[in-house]
Protein backbone atom coordinates (compact mmCIF):
# COMPACT_ATOMS: atom_id res chain seq x y z
CA MET A 1 -38.64 86.06 14.02
CA THR A 2 -35.11 86.25 15.48
CA GLU A 3 -35.67 83.06 17.48
CA LYS A 4 -36.81 81.29 14.32
CA LYS A 5 -33.68 82.40 12.44
CA ARG A 6 -31.53 81.22 15.34
CA LYS A 7 -33.10 77.75 15.19
CA ILE A 8 -32.56 77.63 11.43
CA ASN A 9 -28.88 78.58 11.88
CA ILE A 10 -28.40 75.89 14.53
CA ARG A 11 -29.97 73.30 12.24
CA ALA A 12 -27.74 74.42 9.38
CA ILE A 13 -24.63 74.17 11.56
CA MET A 14 -25.65 70.71 12.83
CA SER A 15 -26.23 69.56 9.26
CA VAL A 16 -22.75 70.71 8.25
CA VAL A 17 -21.20 69.01 11.30
CA LEU A 18 -23.01 65.73 10.61
CA MET A 19 -22.08 65.81 6.92
CA THR A 20 -18.43 66.49 7.79
CA ALA A 21 -18.37 63.66 10.33
CA GLY A 22 -19.93 61.30 7.81
CA ALA A 23 -17.38 62.26 5.16
CA LEU A 24 -14.53 61.66 7.62
CA LEU A 25 -15.88 58.21 8.50
CA ILE A 26 -15.70 57.33 4.82
CA LEU A 27 -12.45 59.09 3.93
CA VAL A 28 -10.24 58.09 6.89
CA PRO A 29 -10.39 54.29 6.21
CA LEU A 30 -9.78 54.93 2.50
CA ILE A 31 -6.79 57.14 3.25
CA MET A 32 -5.35 54.59 5.71
CA THR A 33 -5.85 51.82 3.16
CA GLN A 34 -3.88 53.76 0.56
CA ILE A 35 -1.10 54.58 3.04
CA ASN A 36 -0.75 50.93 4.10
CA LEU A 37 -0.97 49.70 0.52
CA ARG A 38 1.74 52.14 -0.58
CA ARG A 39 3.97 51.01 2.30
CA ASN A 40 3.56 47.35 1.32
CA ASN A 41 4.25 48.12 -2.33
CA ASP A 42 7.38 50.07 -1.38
CA VAL A 43 8.76 47.08 0.52
CA ILE A 44 7.86 44.72 -2.34
CA GLU A 45 9.50 46.91 -4.98
CA GLU A 46 12.62 47.35 -2.85
CA PHE A 47 12.89 43.59 -2.35
CA LEU A 48 12.45 42.93 -6.08
CA ARG A 49 15.05 45.59 -6.88
CA GLN A 50 17.55 43.94 -4.52
CA ALA A 51 16.75 40.53 -6.03
CA GLU A 52 17.43 41.92 -9.51
CA GLN A 53 20.77 43.30 -8.35
CA VAL A 54 21.72 39.90 -6.91
CA ALA A 55 20.74 38.24 -10.20
CA ASP A 56 22.80 40.74 -12.24
CA SER A 57 25.77 40.17 -9.95
CA ALA A 58 25.43 36.39 -10.34
CA ILE A 59 25.36 36.74 -14.14
CA GLU A 60 28.50 38.89 -14.10
CA THR A 61 30.24 36.33 -11.86
CA ALA A 62 29.21 33.48 -14.15
CA GLU A 63 30.53 35.33 -17.19
CA THR A 64 33.83 35.91 -15.41
CA VAL A 65 34.13 32.24 -14.46
CA GLU A 66 33.55 31.19 -18.07
CA LEU A 67 36.57 33.23 -19.15
CA GLU A 68 38.90 31.71 -16.56
CA ASP A 69 40.41 28.22 -16.37
CA TYR A 70 39.18 26.35 -13.33
CA ASP A 71 39.45 22.72 -12.28
CA ILE A 72 35.89 21.46 -11.92
CA PRO A 73 35.51 18.93 -9.08
CA THR A 74 33.40 15.85 -9.71
CA LEU A 75 30.75 14.68 -7.32
CA GLY A 76 29.75 11.21 -6.21
CA GLN A 77 26.24 9.82 -6.29
CA PRO A 78 23.89 12.19 -4.51
CA GLU A 79 22.17 10.95 -1.41
CA ASP A 80 18.42 10.53 -1.32
CA PRO A 81 16.92 13.95 -0.63
CA VAL A 82 15.45 14.15 2.84
CA SER A 83 13.51 17.04 4.30
CA ASP A 84 14.84 18.38 7.60
CA THR A 85 11.26 18.95 8.70
CA PRO A 86 9.58 16.04 10.52
CA GLU A 87 6.38 14.77 8.97
CA PRO A 88 3.48 15.95 11.12
CA SER A 89 1.19 13.38 12.68
CA GLU A 90 -2.56 13.49 12.28
CA THR A 91 -2.81 15.12 15.70
CA THR A 92 -0.25 17.80 14.89
CA GLU A 93 -1.96 21.16 14.87
CA PRO A 94 -0.49 24.24 13.23
CA ALA A 95 0.34 27.06 15.58
CA GLU A 96 -2.12 29.44 13.99
CA THR A 97 -4.32 29.58 10.94
CA PRO A 98 -5.66 32.70 9.27
CA THR A 99 -9.09 33.76 10.42
CA GLU A 100 -11.40 36.40 9.04
CA THR A 101 -11.97 39.50 11.10
CA ALA A 102 -14.96 41.79 11.04
CA GLU A 103 -12.85 44.86 11.75
CA PRO A 104 -11.07 46.25 8.66
CA GLN A 105 -7.32 45.90 9.08
CA ALA A 106 -6.66 49.03 7.04
CA THR A 107 -8.30 51.33 9.60
CA LYS A 108 -5.86 50.24 12.31
CA LYS A 109 -2.45 51.69 12.97
CA PRO A 110 0.13 49.49 11.17
CA LYS A 111 1.42 46.81 13.55
CA MET A 112 4.77 46.47 11.80
CA SER A 113 7.13 49.24 10.74
CA LYS A 114 8.49 49.45 7.21
CA GLU A 115 11.98 48.73 8.53
CA GLU A 116 10.82 45.57 10.31
CA MET A 117 8.92 44.47 7.20
CA GLN A 118 12.08 44.84 5.11
CA LYS A 119 14.09 42.91 7.68
CA ARG A 120 11.63 40.01 7.94
CA THR A 121 10.75 39.61 4.26
CA ILE A 122 12.14 36.40 2.77
CA GLY A 123 10.45 36.63 -0.61
CA VAL A 124 7.57 37.91 -2.71
CA LEU A 125 4.59 35.80 -3.79
CA ILE A 126 3.43 36.69 -7.31
CA ILE A 127 0.25 35.25 -8.83
CA PRO A 128 -0.40 37.02 -12.15
CA LYS A 129 -3.85 35.52 -12.83
CA ILE A 130 -5.40 37.09 -9.71
CA ASP A 131 -3.11 40.14 -9.60
CA VAL A 132 -1.45 39.16 -6.31
CA LYS A 133 1.92 40.46 -5.22
CA MET A 134 2.50 39.87 -1.51
CA LEU A 135 5.41 39.76 0.90
CA ILE A 136 6.42 36.39 2.34
CA MET A 137 7.55 36.17 5.97
CA ASP A 138 8.16 33.35 8.42
CA GLY A 139 5.36 32.88 10.95
CA THR A 140 1.57 32.93 10.92
CA ASP A 141 0.73 35.28 13.80
CA ASN A 142 -1.80 38.03 13.21
CA THR A 143 0.85 40.74 13.00
CA THR A 144 2.63 38.89 10.21
CA LEU A 145 -0.54 38.01 8.30
CA SER A 146 -1.70 41.63 8.42
CA VAL A 147 1.10 42.55 5.98
CA ALA A 148 2.19 39.28 4.33
CA VAL A 149 1.59 35.61 3.69
CA GLY A 150 3.25 33.55 6.38
CA ARG A 151 5.37 30.44 5.93
CA MET A 152 4.50 27.83 8.52
CA THR A 153 7.94 27.29 10.00
CA GLU A 154 7.33 23.61 10.74
CA THR A 155 6.96 22.94 7.01
CA GLY A 156 9.48 22.87 4.15
CA LYS A 157 11.88 25.46 2.81
CA PHE A 158 11.90 27.04 -0.63
CA ASP A 159 13.73 25.20 -3.41
CA GLU A 160 14.17 22.11 -1.26
CA TYR A 161 12.37 18.78 -1.39
CA GLY A 162 9.28 18.99 0.75
CA ASN A 163 6.19 21.14 1.07
CA VAL A 164 6.33 24.88 1.76
CA VAL A 165 2.99 25.87 3.31
CA LEU A 166 1.90 29.51 3.18
CA ALA A 167 -1.07 30.91 5.09
CA GLY A 168 -2.77 34.20 4.29
CA HIS A 169 -5.82 36.33 4.94
CA ARG A 170 -8.62 36.47 2.42
CA SER A 171 -9.85 39.94 3.44
CA ASN A 172 -10.05 42.37 0.53
CA THR A 173 -9.67 45.48 2.72
CA LEU A 174 -5.95 46.08 2.25
CA GLY A 175 -5.01 45.32 -1.32
CA LYS A 176 -6.25 41.99 -2.66
CA TYR A 177 -4.70 39.56 -0.19
CA LEU A 178 -5.82 36.05 -1.23
CA TYR A 179 -9.44 37.01 -1.89
CA SER A 180 -9.47 35.54 -5.41
CA LEU A 181 -7.43 32.41 -4.65
CA ASN A 182 -10.49 30.34 -5.62
CA LYS A 183 -10.00 31.41 -9.25
CA LEU A 184 -6.77 29.44 -9.63
CA GLU A 185 -6.99 26.27 -11.71
CA PRO A 186 -4.57 23.48 -12.66
CA GLY A 187 -2.00 24.86 -15.07
CA ASP A 188 -1.97 28.39 -13.62
CA LYS A 189 1.42 29.84 -12.70
CA ILE A 190 2.78 31.08 -9.38
CA THR A 191 6.16 32.74 -8.86
CA VAL A 192 8.15 33.09 -5.65
CA GLN A 193 10.88 35.69 -5.90
CA LEU A 194 13.68 35.16 -3.39
CA LYS A 195 16.65 37.48 -3.03
CA ASP A 196 18.95 35.16 -4.93
CA LYS A 197 16.62 33.21 -7.24
CA THR A 198 13.25 33.03 -8.95
CA LEU A 199 11.11 29.94 -8.36
CA ASN A 200 8.25 29.10 -10.72
CA TYR A 201 5.38 26.79 -9.82
CA THR A 202 2.44 25.25 -11.69
CA VAL A 203 -0.88 24.73 -9.91
CA TYR A 204 -2.08 21.12 -9.98
CA LYS A 205 -4.87 21.03 -7.39
CA SER A 206 -7.36 23.28 -5.58
CA HIS A 207 -9.76 22.05 -2.91
CA ILE A 208 -11.66 22.95 0.24
CA ILE A 209 -10.96 21.22 3.54
CA GLU A 210 -12.05 21.25 7.16
CA PRO A 211 -9.95 23.39 9.55
CA THR A 212 -8.95 20.18 11.35
CA ASP A 213 -7.52 18.56 8.20
CA PHE A 214 -3.74 18.77 8.58
CA SER A 215 -2.91 16.48 5.67
CA ILE A 216 -1.83 19.55 3.67
CA LEU A 217 1.23 19.78 5.94
CA LYS A 218 2.66 16.42 4.82
CA GLN A 219 6.23 16.56 3.51
CA PRO A 220 7.06 14.62 0.32
CA LYS A 221 10.68 13.51 -0.06
CA ASP A 222 10.89 13.60 -3.85
CA GLU A 223 8.97 16.73 -4.86
CA LYS A 224 9.12 20.48 -4.31
CA ILE A 225 5.59 21.54 -3.43
CA LEU A 226 4.10 24.93 -2.62
CA THR A 227 0.82 24.95 -0.68
CA ILE A 228 -1.19 28.12 -0.12
CA PHE A 229 -4.29 28.21 2.05
CA THR A 230 -6.76 30.77 3.30
CA CYS A 231 -10.17 30.95 4.96
CA HIS A 232 -13.32 29.95 3.10
CA PRO A 233 -15.83 31.32 2.44
CA PRO A 234 -14.75 34.99 2.73
CA GLY A 235 -16.00 36.63 5.90
CA VAL A 236 -17.05 33.28 7.41
CA GLY A 237 -13.93 31.11 7.52
CA SER A 238 -15.65 27.84 8.44
CA HIS A 239 -13.38 25.93 6.03
CA ARG A 240 -10.00 26.31 4.32
CA LEU A 241 -9.39 26.91 0.62
CA VAL A 242 -6.16 25.19 -0.42
CA VAL A 243 -4.09 25.48 -3.61
CA HIS A 244 -1.19 23.12 -4.36
CA ALA A 245 1.53 23.85 -6.93
CA LYS A 246 4.63 21.96 -8.01
CA GLN A 247 7.95 23.69 -8.64
CA ASP A 248 8.95 23.73 -12.31
CA GLU A 249 12.22 22.04 -13.16
């Protein structure tokens, strides 16, 4: 009888251990996801707060200038706008493009500290329709794309004539990333918040391309274009989903 009770106790203990281990396997990724998401949101909110302070300061300066008497210099005819980025050839291949990964990013130790994220952030991408609010950084390496959308440095610059190309993951593990980018349609709005200005864009085209199609990197000389692309379909990444938007005047 004692031996039978001992076996029952061992089974009960093993059941508790297995249940605890199972719960940890579920809870740990969820906890890490929330920690990483909170860190990203903190950096975003801090950047937006600083941008608001810059805007307030600019308004105060403008109001001061209006009250003072200044000689306003006149300008000659502006030169034709030219992008300082060379137009890529058909054989030009971007350094890196976002690829899907089977391993959830949120379960890994963050690759970039909060301080480094704050230092590298050049803007915030805001897409209200699909509830996206993501950091923008230069570069498209995996470390960058694990916390932000990356500006391909060989493409244009914000608020200049040309084509700013942003790459991003489509994984839905950490926040929303660009998972719902396929829902954008012509007429939808995109905002890029820089430290010193707010840029508004209107979507005019969405399409799917082959990974070897580099035509989306072309640089127009008379328009301010924003191009965002990600892998398609989610979890497979055999193609690229691309959204083009034009900066509002």
